Amino acid sequence: MQLIIKEISDRMDFDPFSTLHLICEIRCGILRLFEKIEYYFNDCNIVYHCDIPLMLDSFLKKENKHTTIKENIPTLLLYSNVLMDNDVYKQIMEIVHFATTDTMILDNKQKLIGYYFTNFNNHYHTEPPKSYNIISINNACVITYIWDMNELIGKQIENDFNLIQNFNTYHTKFISAFSLCSEGIYKQVWYDNNCSENIFVSNSAKISSGVVFDASAGKIIIDDEATIMPLSFIQGPCYIGKKTIVKAGATIYKDCCFGPFCKIGGELETTIFQGYSNKQHQGFIGHSFVSEWVNIGAGTSNSDLKNSYSNVIIHLQNKKIDTGKIFIGAMIGDHCKLAINTSLNTGTIIGICSNIAKAGLTDKYVSPFSWISDKSKEKYNLQKAILTAKVVMSRRRKELTFEEQQLITDCFMK
């Protein structure tokens, strides 16, 4: 069977992340959305499709993937905002097993998940078949906005943990290290004996003295070559990605996940760092989503609750959205820089390549390439933005690809 992961058309509802990324790249838990799908459908020919060729090419190049759609074979098409888990997978495979005609797959709220084609033709991307069977499945999660991810972090850490078998080896090594605490680096690491089975630390991770783990509410997973510096507090569920550094004295409350090569300090709660972003110093970030190559200055904090305790209203480009939620922080795009003591409003959207250095609360919506200070608000110079991006990425031995540079340029020209 062939599997197509197809980009949704409402991409701008995932602004600012969607400016430089496919929706399926979003991290929630340990894995990104496309990685979850790949784990379940690892025996399929998996291809990717997006109506924006440059966006697709950028993704394929970054992830070192190749994609060729085959015709006239059974094909499952899933949309990129589907959050795959074991329950949904089993229901979809039951549909595939028994289907004799083309089938539209919905969740129980009538949101479109995808299609199953008994004999796929490439023109179905633009013109689905005129007749098909309709089947709804239960408990499927279809993501509508980027902030929807935050309330799913804890459950997704648990689900992803069960997919990645090598995490089970972390547990044994970690408990062995505790038993040798008089001899090893794990001396004076404090944890509750009743929840030690929820703590998983890679053998290559470094845990300093005086770290406190509270895994009573969910797993704590410290991945390869991560570093936890002294006197940090980490509450589960929490995932610390590969080569990520948790700075001394950090306070990380439940439902946080940090991708690779991040630096994390201060106080955080219910927040996703996609990867390659830094918040090294004091300050609070909560109920937020931080894209890649972001730097958050010392003392910067966000509000994630209005004084009125009313629903957070998001200003998303040319529309306002009543989220129905009272806890939402900031959604920060790639390559943004926030100066020391920046104060982010509740439900703030910050477009890519923005620089903020002003007193008082930021605007609710900061357009891409904004250069904001107390004196002025200007548009950041495109060439300077690209040059800075290249310098920052080179520090992590990454290169700004031609495709990424063109996407940044296209955004600037809009």
Protein backbone atom coordinates (compact mmCIF):
# COMPACT_ATOMS: atom_id res chain seq x y z
CA MET A 1 0.00 0.00 0.00
CA GLN A 2 1.05 3.57 -0.67
CA LEU A 3 0.68 6.32 1.93
CA ILE A 4 0.50 9.99 0.95
CA ILE A 5 0.87 12.63 3.65
CA LYS A 6 -0.85 15.61 2.08
CA GLU A 7 -0.47 19.21 3.26
CA ILE A 8 -3.74 20.87 4.27
CA SER A 9 -5.00 23.94 2.42
CA ASP A 10 -5.63 26.05 5.56
CA ARG A 11 -1.93 26.44 6.26
CA MET A 12 -2.14 30.02 7.53
CA ASP A 13 -4.17 28.85 10.52
CA PHE A 14 -0.81 27.52 11.75
CA ASP A 15 0.95 30.86 11.42
CA PRO A 16 3.79 31.61 12.20
CA PHE A 17 5.18 28.05 12.07
CA SER A 18 3.69 27.38 8.63
CA THR A 19 5.70 30.18 7.00
CA LEU A 20 8.76 27.94 6.70
CA HIS A 21 7.45 24.47 7.54
CA LEU A 22 4.94 21.85 6.54
CA ILE A 23 2.25 21.32 9.16
CA CYS A 24 3.38 17.72 9.63
CA GLU A 25 6.72 18.98 10.97
CA ILE A 26 5.12 20.24 14.21
CA ARG A 27 6.58 18.60 17.31
CA CYS A 28 4.17 17.38 19.97
CA GLY A 29 5.56 15.05 22.61
CA ILE A 30 8.77 13.35 21.53
CA LEU A 31 8.07 13.11 17.81
CA ARG A 32 6.91 15.41 15.05
CA LEU A 33 3.56 14.66 13.37
CA PHE A 34 5.09 13.03 10.27
CA GLU A 35 7.38 10.90 12.43
CA LYS A 36 4.38 9.52 14.31
CA ILE A 37 2.73 8.56 11.03
CA GLU A 38 5.94 6.98 9.72
CA TYR A 39 6.27 4.80 12.81
CA TYR A 40 2.83 3.28 12.26
CA PHE A 41 3.06 2.93 8.47
CA ASN A 42 6.71 1.88 8.23
CA ASP A 43 5.92 -0.91 5.76
CA CYS A 44 4.29 1.47 3.24
CA ASN A 45 5.70 3.49 0.38
CA ILE A 46 5.41 6.91 2.09
CA VAL A 47 5.33 10.03 -0.05
CA TYR A 48 4.62 13.68 0.69
CA HIS A 49 2.52 16.15 -1.24
CA CYS A 50 2.12 19.91 -0.99
CA ASP A 51 0.56 22.37 -3.46
CA ILE A 52 3.50 24.71 -2.78
CA PRO A 53 6.47 22.98 -4.50
CA LEU A 54 9.07 25.16 -2.78
CA MET A 55 7.70 24.26 0.67
CA LEU A 56 7.76 20.57 -0.18
CA ASP A 57 11.28 20.77 -1.61
CA SER A 58 12.48 22.53 1.53
CA PHE A 59 11.10 19.77 3.74
CA LEU A 60 12.44 16.93 1.61
CA LYS A 61 15.92 18.47 1.54
CA LYS A 62 16.05 19.10 5.30
CA GLU A 63 14.85 15.60 6.11
CA ASN A 64 16.81 13.88 3.32
CA LYS A 65 13.70 12.30 1.86
CA HIS A 66 12.65 11.42 -1.67
CA THR A 67 9.06 11.22 -2.79
CA THR A 68 7.55 9.63 -5.90
CA ILE A 69 3.81 9.12 -6.13
CA LYS A 70 2.77 5.89 -7.83
CA GLU A 71 -0.51 5.52 -9.66
CA ASN A 72 -2.97 2.65 -10.01
CA ILE A 73 -2.22 1.10 -6.62
CA PRO A 74 -4.16 1.08 -3.33
CA THR A 75 -3.38 4.35 -1.58
CA LEU A 76 -4.15 5.87 1.78
CA LEU A 77 -4.06 9.67 1.78
CA LEU A 78 -3.77 11.32 5.22
CA TYR A 79 -3.81 15.06 5.83
CA SER A 80 -0.80 16.62 7.51
CA ASN A 81 -2.69 17.81 10.62
CA VAL A 82 -3.74 14.32 11.74
CA LEU A 83 -2.19 13.30 15.05
CA MET A 84 -1.66 9.57 14.69
CA ASP A 85 -1.94 7.15 17.61
CA ASN A 86 -2.52 3.44 18.04
CA ASP A 87 -6.31 3.69 18.29
CA VAL A 88 -6.64 5.77 15.13
CA TYR A 89 -4.17 3.54 13.29
CA LYS A 90 -6.15 0.38 14.07
CA GLN A 91 -9.42 1.96 12.92
CA ILE A 92 -7.88 3.20 9.68
CA MET A 93 -6.33 -0.19 8.93
CA GLU A 94 -9.70 -1.85 9.47
CA ILE A 95 -11.18 0.51 6.87
CA VAL A 96 -8.34 -0.29 4.48
CA HIS A 97 -8.72 -4.03 5.01
CA PHE A 98 -12.44 -4.14 4.26
CA ALA A 99 -12.81 -1.30 1.74
CA THR A 100 -14.05 -2.26 -1.73
CA THR A 101 -14.70 1.29 -2.96
CA ASP A 102 -13.00 4.67 -2.55
CA THR A 103 -13.60 5.89 1.00
CA MET A 104 -13.63 9.28 2.69
CA ILE A 105 -12.44 9.08 6.31
CA LEU A 106 -13.78 11.55 8.90
CA ASP A 107 -13.40 11.89 12.63
CA ASN A 108 -16.45 11.77 14.87
CA LYS A 109 -16.74 15.57 14.63
CA GLN A 110 -16.93 15.33 10.84
CA LYS A 111 -13.45 16.73 10.23
CA LEU A 112 -11.73 15.27 7.21
CA ILE A 113 -8.83 12.95 8.01
CA GLY A 114 -8.14 11.56 4.57
CA TYR A 115 -9.14 9.13 1.83
CA TYR A 116 -8.54 5.54 0.91
CA PHE A 117 -8.34 4.92 -2.83
CA THR A 118 -8.57 1.37 -4.09
CA ASN A 119 -6.80 2.45 -7.29
CA PHE A 120 -5.16 5.85 -6.95
CA ASN A 121 -4.86 8.38 -9.77
CA ASN A 122 -2.72 11.48 -9.40
CA HIS A 123 -5.50 13.87 -10.40
CA TYR A 124 -7.29 13.00 -7.15
CA HIS A 125 -5.13 15.67 -5.48
CA THR A 126 -7.16 18.37 -7.20
CA GLU A 127 -10.36 16.49 -7.98
CA PRO A 128 -11.39 13.70 -5.57
CA PRO A 129 -13.64 10.97 -6.97
CA LYS A 130 -17.29 11.92 -7.43
CA SER A 131 -18.59 8.99 -5.45
CA TYR A 132 -17.14 7.35 -2.38
CA ASN A 133 -18.09 5.64 0.83
CA ILE A 134 -17.99 7.80 3.99
CA ILE A 135 -16.75 6.34 7.29
CA SER A 136 -16.20 8.14 10.59
CA ILE A 137 -13.71 6.93 13.18
CA ASN A 138 -13.68 7.63 16.90
CA ASN A 139 -11.25 9.59 19.06
CA ALA A 140 -9.18 10.91 16.17
CA CYS A 141 -7.31 14.16 16.79
CA VAL A 142 -7.24 16.63 13.90
CA ILE A 143 -5.21 19.75 14.75
CA THR A 144 -6.86 23.05 13.79
CA TYR A 145 -4.44 25.65 15.19
CA ILE A 146 -0.85 25.61 16.44
CA TRP A 147 -1.93 26.31 20.04
CA ASP A 148 -4.05 23.15 20.06
CA MET A 149 -0.85 21.18 20.55
CA ASN A 150 -0.15 22.40 24.09
CA GLU A 151 -2.97 20.53 25.79
CA LEU A 152 -1.84 17.30 24.07
CA ILE A 153 1.82 17.29 25.14
CA GLY A 154 1.54 14.96 28.14
CA LYS A 155 -0.49 12.31 26.37
CA GLN A 156 1.74 12.46 23.32
CA ILE A 157 4.90 11.96 25.39
CA GLU A 158 3.33 8.76 26.73
CA ASN A 159 2.19 7.61 23.27
CA ASP A 160 5.54 8.35 21.62
CA PHE A 161 7.45 6.63 24.41
CA ASN A 162 5.63 3.41 23.60
CA LEU A 163 6.67 3.71 19.93
CA ILE A 164 10.39 4.21 20.51
CA GLN A 165 11.67 0.94 21.88
CA ASN A 166 15.19 2.04 22.83
CA PHE A 167 13.79 4.26 25.60
CA ASN A 168 13.20 1.10 27.60
CA THR A 169 16.98 0.65 27.84
CA TYR A 170 17.32 4.12 29.35
CA HIS A 171 15.38 3.08 32.41
CA THR A 172 17.65 0.19 33.42
CA LYS A 173 20.82 2.24 33.05
CA PHE A 174 19.39 5.11 35.04
CA ILE A 175 18.29 2.98 37.99
CA SER A 176 21.67 1.21 37.94
CA ALA A 177 23.34 4.56 38.16
CA PHE A 178 21.28 5.42 41.23
CA SER A 179 22.34 2.18 42.89
CA LEU A 180 25.95 3.27 42.36
CA CYS A 181 25.35 6.80 43.55
CA SER A 182 28.31 6.73 45.92
CA GLU A 183 30.62 6.27 42.93
CA GLY A 184 29.04 8.07 39.97
CA ILE A 185 27.78 11.32 38.56
CA TYR A 186 24.26 10.65 39.81
CA LYS A 187 25.23 11.44 43.37
CA GLN A 188 22.68 13.74 45.03
CA VAL A 189 20.08 13.46 42.26
CA TRP A 190 16.80 13.46 44.13
CA TYR A 191 13.70 11.61 43.07
CA ASP A 192 10.68 9.90 44.58
CA ASN A 193 11.21 6.13 44.96
CA ASN A 194 7.52 5.60 44.22
CA CYS A 195 7.81 7.08 40.69
CA SER A 196 11.37 6.19 39.68
CA GLU A 197 9.96 3.83 37.05
CA ASN A 198 8.79 6.93 35.16
CA ILE A 199 12.29 8.39 34.79
CA PHE A 200 14.30 7.53 31.67
CA VAL A 201 17.75 8.96 31.05
CA SER A 202 20.01 8.12 28.13
CA ASN A 203 23.35 6.60 29.02
CA SER A 204 25.03 9.48 27.13
CA ALA A 205 23.13 12.22 28.99
CA LYS A 206 24.82 14.18 31.79
CA ILE A 207 22.92 14.77 35.02
CA SER A 208 24.58 17.10 37.55
CA SER A 209 24.30 17.07 41.32
CA GLY A 210 21.27 18.57 42.99
CA VAL A 211 18.76 17.92 40.19
CA VAL A 212 15.17 17.19 41.30
CA PHE A 213 12.90 14.97 39.19
CA ASP A 214 9.15 14.76 39.96
CA ALA A 215 7.70 12.01 37.78
CA SER A 216 4.60 11.42 39.86
CA ALA A 217 2.29 12.76 37.11
CA GLY A 218 4.10 11.44 34.04
CA LYS A 219 7.31 10.27 32.44
CA ILE A 220 10.52 12.32 32.33
CA ILE A 221 12.68 11.41 29.33
CA ILE A 222 16.20 12.78 28.90
CA ASP A 223 17.49 11.94 25.42
CA ASP A 224 20.98 11.34 24.04
CA GLU A 225 23.76 13.75 25.01
CA ALA A 226 21.37 16.11 26.83
CA THR A 227 22.78 17.97 29.83
CA ILE A 228 20.89 18.81 33.03
CA MET A 229 22.85 21.34 35.07
CA PRO A 230 22.82 21.59 38.90
CA LEU A 231 19.77 22.51 41.00
CA SER A 232 17.27 22.13 38.15
CA PHE A 233 13.70 20.99 38.80
CA ILE A 234 11.91 18.93 36.15
CA GLN A 235 8.31 17.75 36.50
CA GLY A 236 6.77 15.13 34.24
CA PRO A 237 5.42 14.65 31.72
CA CYS A 238 8.51 16.16 30.08
CA TYR A 239 10.81 15.36 27.16
CA ILE A 240 14.31 16.83 26.89
CA GLY A 241 15.63 16.38 23.35
CA LYS A 242 19.01 15.31 22.06
CA LYS A 243 21.92 17.61 22.96
CA THR A 244 19.57 20.03 24.71
CA ILE A 245 20.97 21.79 27.77
CA VAL A 246 18.85 22.62 30.82
CA LYS A 247 20.62 25.47 32.60
CA ALA A 248 21.38 25.60 36.33
CA GLY A 249 18.37 26.37 38.49
CA ALA A 250 15.79 25.92 35.72
CA THR A 251 12.20 25.19 36.77
CA ILE A 252 10.33 23.08 34.23
CA TYR A 253 6.76 22.24 35.14
CA LYS A 254 4.65 19.51 33.56
CA ASP A 255 3.73 19.17 29.89
CA CYS A 256 6.87 20.51 28.23
CA CYS A 257 8.82 19.10 25.31
CA PHE A 258 12.04 20.43 23.87
CA GLY A 259 13.50 19.32 20.56
CA PRO A 260 17.20 18.93 19.79
CA PHE A 261 19.94 21.49 20.47
CA CYS A 262 17.94 23.83 22.73
CA LYS A 263 19.17 25.75 25.76
CA ILE A 264 16.53 26.05 28.46
CA GLY A 265 16.57 28.19 31.60
CA GLY A 266 14.19 30.05 33.87
CA GLU A 267 10.59 28.92 34.41
CA LEU A 268 8.53 27.04 31.82
CA GLU A 269 5.19 25.29 31.73
CA THR A 270 3.11 23.55 29.04
CA THR A 271 5.37 24.67 26.22
CA ILE A 272 6.87 23.24 23.03
CA PHE A 273 10.29 24.19 21.71
CA GLN A 274 10.47 22.82 18.17
CA GLY A 275 14.28 22.64 18.31
CA TYR A 276 17.46 24.71 17.90
CA SER A 277 16.09 27.56 20.04
CA ASN A 278 17.42 29.19 23.21
CA LYS A 279 15.89 30.53 26.39
CA GLN A 280 18.91 30.41 28.66
CA HIS A 281 17.99 32.91 31.38
CA GLN A 282 15.36 33.78 33.97
CA GLY A 283 11.85 34.64 32.86
CA PHE A 284 8.59 32.73 32.36
CA ILE A 285 7.37 31.07 29.17
CA GLY A 286 4.08 29.18 29.46
CA HIS A 287 1.45 27.63 27.18
CA SER A 288 3.57 28.66 24.20
CA PHE A 289 5.03 27.30 20.98
CA VAL A 290 8.57 28.32 20.02
CA SER A 291 9.74 27.52 16.49
CA GLU A 292 13.35 27.00 15.39
CA TRP A 293 16.33 29.37 15.66
CA VAL A 294 14.65 31.63 18.22
CA ASN A 295 16.62 33.43 20.93
CA ILE A 296 14.78 34.68 24.03
CA GLY A 297 16.68 37.26 26.09
CA ALA A 298 17.18 37.38 29.86
CA GLY A 299 14.11 38.36 31.85
CA THR A 300 11.68 37.91 28.94
CA SER A 301 8.29 36.56 30.01
CA ASN A 302 4.89 35.97 28.50
CA SER A 303 1.39 36.22 29.90
CA ASP A 304 -0.67 33.08 29.38
CA LEU A 305 -3.78 34.14 31.35
CA LYS A 306 -5.85 37.31 31.03
CA ASN A 307 -6.66 39.28 34.17
CA SER A 308 -10.35 38.76 33.40
CA TYR A 309 -9.89 34.96 33.09
CA SER A 310 -11.85 35.23 29.82
CA ASN A 311 -11.14 33.35 26.60
CA VAL A 312 -7.95 34.30 24.80
CA ILE A 313 -8.55 36.03 21.45
CA ILE A 314 -5.86 35.39 18.84
CA HIS A 315 -5.15 37.98 16.15
CA LEU A 316 -4.13 35.78 13.24
CA GLN A 317 -3.25 37.92 10.24
CA ASN A 318 -6.58 39.41 9.05
CA LYS A 319 -8.92 37.63 11.44
CA LYS A 320 -9.60 37.24 15.14
CA ILE A 321 -10.18 33.83 16.67
CA ASP A 322 -11.91 33.13 19.97
CA THR A 323 -9.85 30.14 21.07
CA GLY A 324 -12.29 29.02 23.76
CA LYS A 325 -9.27 28.62 26.04
CA ILE A 326 -8.14 30.74 28.98
CA PHE A 327 -4.48 29.63 28.91
CA ILE A 328 -2.51 30.55 25.77
CA GLY A 329 0.89 32.20 25.70
CA ALA A 330 2.97 33.13 22.64
CA MET A 331 3.44 31.51 19.23
CA ILE A 332 6.91 32.53 18.03
CA GLY A 333 8.12 32.07 14.44
CA ASP A 334 11.52 30.97 13.18
CA HIS A 335 14.57 33.22 13.50
CA CYS A 336 12.95 35.64 15.99
CA LYS A 337 15.01 37.50 18.58
CA LEU A 338 13.49 38.85 21.80
CA ALA A 339 15.67 41.30 23.73
CA ILE A 340 16.12 41.33 27.51
CA ASN A 341 13.00 41.95 29.60
CA THR A 342 10.57 41.68 26.69
CA SER A 343 6.95 41.32 27.87
CA LEU A 344 4.71 39.24 25.62
CA ASN A 345 0.96 39.70 25.71
CA THR A 346 -1.50 36.86 26.20
CA GLY A 347 -1.99 35.01 22.91
CA THR A 348 0.77 36.80 21.00
CA ILE A 349 1.71 35.80 17.44
CA ILE A 350 5.24 36.78 16.33
CA GLY A 351 6.08 36.39 12.65
CA ILE A 352 9.41 35.07 11.38
CA CYS A 353 12.65 37.06 11.50
CA SER A 354 11.26 39.63 13.95
CA ASN A 355 13.34 41.51 16.52
CA ILE A 356 11.63 42.98 19.58
CA ALA A 357 13.39 45.35 21.99
CA LYS A 358 10.82 47.57 23.68
CA ALA A 359 9.37 48.30 27.10
CA GLY A 360 5.79 47.35 27.91
CA LEU A 361 3.60 44.65 26.40
CA THR A 362 4.05 43.68 22.76
CA ASP A 363 1.24 43.89 20.23
CA LYS A 364 -0.97 40.83 19.97
CA TYR A 365 0.14 40.30 16.37
CA VAL A 366 3.69 41.05 15.25
CA SER A 367 4.06 40.81 11.48
CA PRO A 368 7.08 39.05 9.94
CA PHE A 369 10.33 41.02 9.73
CA SER A 370 9.24 43.52 12.39
CA TRP A 371 12.07 45.46 14.04
CA ILE A 372 10.44 46.98 17.11
CA SER A 373 12.05 49.29 19.64
CA ASP A 374 10.80 52.04 21.97
CA LYS A 375 11.61 54.59 19.29
CA SER A 376 10.22 53.00 16.15
CA LYS A 377 8.69 50.04 14.35
CA GLU A 378 10.41 49.25 11.08
CA LYS A 379 10.68 46.42 8.60
CA TYR A 380 13.85 44.39 9.04
CA ASN A 381 16.25 44.42 6.11
CA LEU A 382 15.92 41.17 4.15
CA GLN A 383 19.62 40.65 3.48
CA LYS A 384 20.52 41.32 7.12
CA ALA A 385 17.85 38.83 8.23
CA ILE A 386 19.22 36.14 5.91
CA LEU A 387 22.81 36.82 6.94
CA THR A 388 21.90 36.54 10.65
CA ALA A 389 20.03 33.30 10.00
CA LYS A 390 23.09 31.83 8.29
CA VAL A 391 25.38 32.85 11.15
CA VAL A 392 23.05 31.44 13.82
CA MET A 393 22.56 28.15 11.99
CA SER A 394 26.28 27.71 11.37
CA ARG A 395 26.79 27.66 15.14
CA ARG A 396 24.87 24.36 15.14
CA ARG A 397 26.61 23.15 11.97
CA LYS A 398 23.47 23.69 9.91
CA GLU A 399 23.12 25.55 6.64
CA LEU A 400 20.29 27.76 5.44
CA THR A 401 19.21 25.94 2.29
CA PHE A 402 18.38 27.67 -0.97
CA GLU A 403 14.75 26.65 -0.48
CA GLU A 404 14.57 28.10 3.03
CA GLN A 405 16.17 31.32 1.85
CA GLN A 406 13.63 31.58 -0.96
CA LEU A 407 10.72 30.97 1.43
CA ILE A 408 12.04 33.75 3.68
CA THR A 409 12.34 36.04 0.67
CA ASP A 410 8.82 35.20 -0.54
CA CYS A 411 7.44 36.02 2.88
CA PHE A 412 9.29 39.35 2.91
CA MET A 413 7.90 40.31 -0.51
CA LYS A 414 4.25 39.74 0.42
